[in-house]
Amino acid sequence: MKQGEKDYLKKIGEGGEEHAFNKPFSDIHRGRYLIDIGIILSLLPPPPAKLLDM
């Protein structure tokens, strides 16, 4: 682990450290994020199209 990463964990405190180690599953809005990703994927054209084709 780099020094900057260690300093970051000290700055965010114990609760932030726990969140950082367990994310994305520790976020209270994780279900909403999954739904949002699903909606975005449903709007994309079928393969083999690429995101840049939009």
Protein backbone atom coordinates (compact mmCIF):
# COMPACT_ATOMS: atom_id res chain seq x y z
CA MET A 1 0.00 0.00 0.00
CA LYS A 2 1.36 3.42 -0.97
CA GLN A 3 1.85 6.17 1.58
CA GLY A 4 -0.90 8.29 -0.01
CA GLU A 5 -3.36 5.43 0.41
CA LYS A 6 -2.42 5.03 4.06
CA ASP A 7 -2.82 8.77 4.65
CA TYR A 8 -6.23 8.72 2.94
CA LEU A 9 -7.47 5.97 5.24
CA LYS A 10 -6.31 7.93 8.29
CA LYS A 11 -8.11 11.06 7.05
CA ILE A 12 -11.48 9.40 6.42
CA GLY A 13 -11.69 7.83 9.87
CA GLU A 14 -12.87 4.44 11.05
CA GLY A 15 -16.33 4.57 9.45
CA GLY A 16 -14.95 5.78 6.15
CA GLU A 17 -12.24 3.14 6.26
CA GLU A 18 -14.81 0.38 6.71
CA HIS A 19 -16.84 1.76 3.81
CA ALA A 20 -13.73 1.97 1.58
CA PHE A 21 -12.77 -1.64 2.25
CA ASN A 22 -16.29 -3.01 1.71
CA LYS A 23 -17.52 -0.87 -1.18
CA PRO A 24 -19.55 -1.10 -3.29
CA PHE A 25 -21.49 -3.52 -1.08
CA SER A 26 -21.44 -1.34 2.04
CA ASP A 27 -23.08 1.66 0.39
CA ILE A 28 -26.64 2.26 1.54
CA HIS A 29 -27.72 3.01 -2.05
CA ARG A 30 -26.20 -0.15 -3.60
CA GLY A 31 -29.57 -1.46 -4.80
CA ARG A 32 -30.37 1.81 -6.51
CA TYR A 33 -26.98 1.83 -8.26
CA LEU A 34 -27.62 -1.67 -9.59
CA ILE A 35 -31.00 -0.60 -10.95
CA ASP A 36 -29.44 2.48 -12.56
CA ILE A 37 -26.80 0.35 -14.30
CA GLY A 38 -29.51 -2.01 -15.55
CA ILE A 39 -31.51 0.89 -16.98
CA ILE A 40 -28.45 2.26 -18.76
CA LEU A 41 -27.62 -1.16 -20.20
CA SER A 42 -31.20 -1.56 -21.46
CA LEU A 43 -30.81 1.67 -23.47
CA LEU A 44 -27.70 0.48 -25.31
CA PRO A 45 -27.98 -1.04 -28.78
CA PRO A 46 -27.51 -4.81 -29.03
CA PRO A 47 -24.00 -6.24 -29.47
CA PRO A 48 -21.62 -5.87 -31.27
CA ALA A 49 -22.32 -2.13 -30.94
CA LYS A 50 -20.02 -0.19 -28.65
CA LEU A 51 -20.80 2.54 -26.17
CA LEU A 52 -19.05 5.00 -28.48
CA ASP A 53 -21.64 4.18 -31.17
CA MET A 54 -24.31 5.98 -29.14
